[in-house]
Amino acid sequence: MEFLSIREFSAYPRKTRETLKRSGKIVLTNNGKPSMLVFDITGQDFENLIDTLNRAEAMRLLDEIQMQAVRGGLNAMTADEINREIDGHRRKKRGK
């Protein structure tokens, strides 16, 4: 996986496109820390890609919730409690 600073990303668009073509994805950094992930979606089914990314985000969120529960000694969450947590995060993300 390739890394580019945000400054390089905006200053050298040709380099960005070439890197994306070569590696398929780029991690953009801000002050040396990963900040964004950019994918080359040429030739891909956009809707399937978005669906896959949404599912990956949901899995990441579930892992985060489970780790918080373990750290807080609440690792006996029921499926309903987990679903309520996920729904709450989704509402918060949508701004509702």
C-alpha atoms as a PDB file:
ATOM      1  CA  MET A   1       0.000   0.000   0.000  1.00  0.00           C
ATOM      2  CA  GLU A   2       1.309   3.430  -0.929  1.00  0.00           C
ATOM      3  CA  PHE A   3       1.389   6.455   1.375  1.00  0.00           C
ATOM      4  CA  LEU A   4       1.187  10.085   0.245  1.00  0.00           C
ATOM      5  CA  SER A   5       0.914  13.241   2.266  1.00  0.00           C
ATOM      6  CA  ILE A   6      -2.150  15.380   1.717  1.00  0.00           C
ATOM      7  CA  ARG A   7       0.197  18.067   0.414  1.00  0.00           C
ATOM      8  CA  GLU A   8       1.616  15.669  -2.222  1.00  0.00           C
ATOM      9  CA  PHE A   9      -1.896  14.537  -3.097  1.00  0.00           C
ATOM     10  CA  SER A  10      -3.041  18.063  -3.942  1.00  0.00           C
ATOM     11  CA  ALA A  11       0.241  19.310  -5.442  1.00  0.00           C
ATOM     12  CA  TYR A  12       0.909  16.348  -7.748  1.00  0.00           C
ATOM     13  CA  PRO A  13      -2.365  14.979  -9.144  1.00  0.00           C
ATOM     14  CA  ARG A  14      -0.603  13.042 -11.913  1.00  0.00           C
ATOM     15  CA  LYS A  15       1.564  11.226  -9.344  1.00  0.00           C
ATOM     16  CA  THR A  16      -1.587  10.421  -7.384  1.00  0.00           C
ATOM     17  CA  ARG A  17      -3.336   8.930 -10.430  1.00  0.00           C
ATOM     18  CA  GLU A  18      -0.257   6.894 -11.381  1.00  0.00           C
ATOM     19  CA  THR A  19       0.119   5.583  -7.849  1.00  0.00           C
ATOM     20  CA  LEU A  20      -3.566   4.659  -7.697  1.00  0.00           C
ATOM     21  CA  LYS A  21      -3.325   2.840 -11.016  1.00  0.00           C
ATOM     22  CA  ARG A  22      -0.281   0.914  -9.826  1.00  0.00           C
ATOM     23  CA  SER A  23      -1.339  -0.006  -6.291  1.00  0.00           C
ATOM     24  CA  GLY A  24      -5.148   0.312  -6.288  1.00  0.00           C
ATOM     25  CA  LYS A  25      -5.253   2.304  -3.060  1.00  0.00           C
ATOM     26  CA  ILE A  26      -3.409   5.101  -1.301  1.00  0.00           C
ATOM     27  CA  VAL A  27      -3.254   6.104   2.335  1.00  0.00           C
ATOM     28  CA  LEU A  28      -3.206   9.882   2.682  1.00  0.00           C
ATOM     29  CA  THR A  29      -1.313  11.179   5.676  1.00  0.00           C
ATOM     30  CA  ASN A  30      -1.651  14.397   7.627  1.00  0.00           C
ATOM     31  CA  ASN A  31       1.403  15.321   9.690  1.00  0.00           C
ATOM     32  CA  GLY A  32       2.692  11.784   9.172  1.00  0.00           C
ATOM     33  CA  LYS A  33      -0.446  10.088  10.499  1.00  0.00           C
ATOM     34  CA  PRO A  34      -2.890   8.120   8.327  1.00  0.00           C
ATOM     35  CA  SER A  35      -5.898  10.299   7.632  1.00  0.00           C
ATOM     36  CA  MET A  36      -7.751   8.978   4.571  1.00  0.00           C
ATOM     37  CA  LEU A  37      -7.910   5.990   2.281  1.00  0.00           C
ATOM     38  CA  VAL A  38      -8.337   6.518  -1.474  1.00  0.00           C
ATOM     39  CA  PHE A  39      -9.400   3.675  -3.783  1.00  0.00           C
ATOM     40  CA  ASP A  40      -9.104   3.337  -7.547  1.00  0.00           C
ATOM     41  CA  ILE A  41     -12.608   2.334  -8.623  1.00  0.00           C
ATOM     42  CA  THR A  42     -11.929   2.074 -12.352  1.00  0.00           C
ATOM     43  CA  GLY A  43     -13.774  -0.915 -13.768  1.00  0.00           C
ATOM     44  CA  GLN A  44     -15.453  -1.814 -10.480  1.00  0.00           C
ATOM     45  CA  ASP A  45     -19.134  -1.973  -9.709  1.00  0.00           C
ATOM     46  CA  PHE A  46     -19.504   1.186  -7.627  1.00  0.00           C
ATOM     47  CA  GLU A  47     -22.611   0.014  -5.753  1.00  0.00           C
ATOM     48  CA  ASN A  48     -20.940  -3.274  -4.756  1.00  0.00           C
ATOM     49  CA  LEU A  49     -17.848  -1.409  -3.592  1.00  0.00           C
ATOM     50  CA  ILE A  50     -19.913   0.954  -1.425  1.00  0.00           C
ATOM     51  CA  ASP A  51     -21.852  -1.996   0.015  1.00  0.00           C
ATOM     52  CA  THR A  52     -18.604  -3.815   0.833  1.00  0.00           C
ATOM     53  CA  LEU A  53     -17.135  -0.723   2.498  1.00  0.00           C
ATOM     54  CA  ASN A  54     -20.310  -0.205   4.545  1.00  0.00           C
ATOM     55  CA  ARG A  55     -20.184  -3.809   5.740  1.00  0.00           C
ATOM     56  CA  ALA A  56     -16.503  -3.442   6.639  1.00  0.00           C
ATOM     57  CA  GLU A  57     -17.308  -0.283   8.604  1.00  0.00           C
ATOM     58  CA  ALA A  58     -20.084  -2.103  10.466  1.00  0.00           C
ATOM     59  CA  MET A  59     -17.689  -4.929  11.346  1.00  0.00           C
ATOM     60  CA  ARG A  60     -15.107  -2.405  12.576  1.00  0.00           C
ATOM     61  CA  LEU A  61     -17.760  -0.724  14.701  1.00  0.00           C
ATOM     62  CA  LEU A  62     -18.859  -4.060  16.159  1.00  0.00           C
ATOM     63  CA  ASP A  63     -15.242  -4.883  17.027  1.00  0.00           C
ATOM     64  CA  GLU A  64     -14.877  -1.488  18.700  1.00  0.00           C
ATOM     65  CA  ILE A  65     -18.048  -1.986  20.738  1.00  0.00           C
ATOM     66  CA  GLN A  66     -16.922  -5.441  21.812  1.00  0.00           C
ATOM     67  CA  MET A  67     -13.488  -4.154  22.866  1.00  0.00           C
ATOM     68  CA  GLN A  68     -15.102  -1.347  24.878  1.00  0.00           C
ATOM     69  CA  ALA A  69     -17.342  -3.890  26.545  1.00  0.00           C
ATOM     70  CA  VAL A  70     -14.400  -6.113  27.467  1.00  0.00           C
ATOM     71  CA  ARG A  71     -12.420  -3.156  28.838  1.00  0.00           C
ATOM     72  CA  GLY A  72     -15.443  -2.046  30.838  1.00  0.00           C
ATOM     73  CA  GLY A  73     -16.169  -5.545  32.094  1.00  0.00           C
ATOM     74  CA  LEU A  74     -19.375  -5.664  30.097  1.00  0.00           C
ATOM     75  CA  ASN A  75     -18.406  -8.498  27.785  1.00  0.00           C
ATOM     76  CA  ALA A  76     -21.714 -10.204  28.390  1.00  0.00           C
ATOM     77  CA  MET A  77     -23.679  -7.884  26.083  1.00  0.00           C
ATOM     78  CA  THR A  78     -26.732  -9.445  24.522  1.00  0.00           C
ATOM     79  CA  ALA A  79     -27.367  -9.319  20.783  1.00  0.00           C
ATOM     80  CA  ASP A  80     -30.150  -6.780  21.408  1.00  0.00           C
ATOM     81  CA  GLU A  81     -27.771  -4.504  23.337  1.00  0.00           C
ATOM     82  CA  ILE A  82     -25.199  -4.727  20.546  1.00  0.00           C
ATOM     83  CA  ASN A  83     -27.853  -3.920  17.938  1.00  0.00           C
ATOM     84  CA  ARG A  84     -29.015  -0.900  19.972  1.00  0.00           C
ATOM     85  CA  GLU A  85     -25.417   0.353  20.165  1.00  0.00           C
ATOM     86  CA  ILE A  86     -24.965  -0.053  16.405  1.00  0.00           C
ATOM     87  CA  ASP A  87     -28.287   1.691  15.696  1.00  0.00           C
ATOM     88  CA  GLY A  88     -27.290   4.548  18.009  1.00  0.00           C
ATOM     89  CA  HIS A  89     -23.978   5.014  16.201  1.00  0.00           C
ATOM     90  CA  ARG A  90     -25.715   4.923  12.817  1.00  0.00           C
ATOM     91  CA  ARG A  91     -28.215   7.583  13.923  1.00  0.00           C
ATOM     92  CA  LYS A  92     -25.392   9.716  15.294  1.00  0.00           C
ATOM     93  CA  LYS A  93     -23.483   9.367  12.004  1.00  0.00           C
ATOM     94  CA  ARG A  94     -26.538  10.464  10.011  1.00  0.00           C
ATOM     95  CA  GLY A  95     -26.950  13.426  12.347  1.00  0.00           C
ATOM     96  CA  LYS A  96     -30.301  12.374  13.784  1.00  0.00           C
END
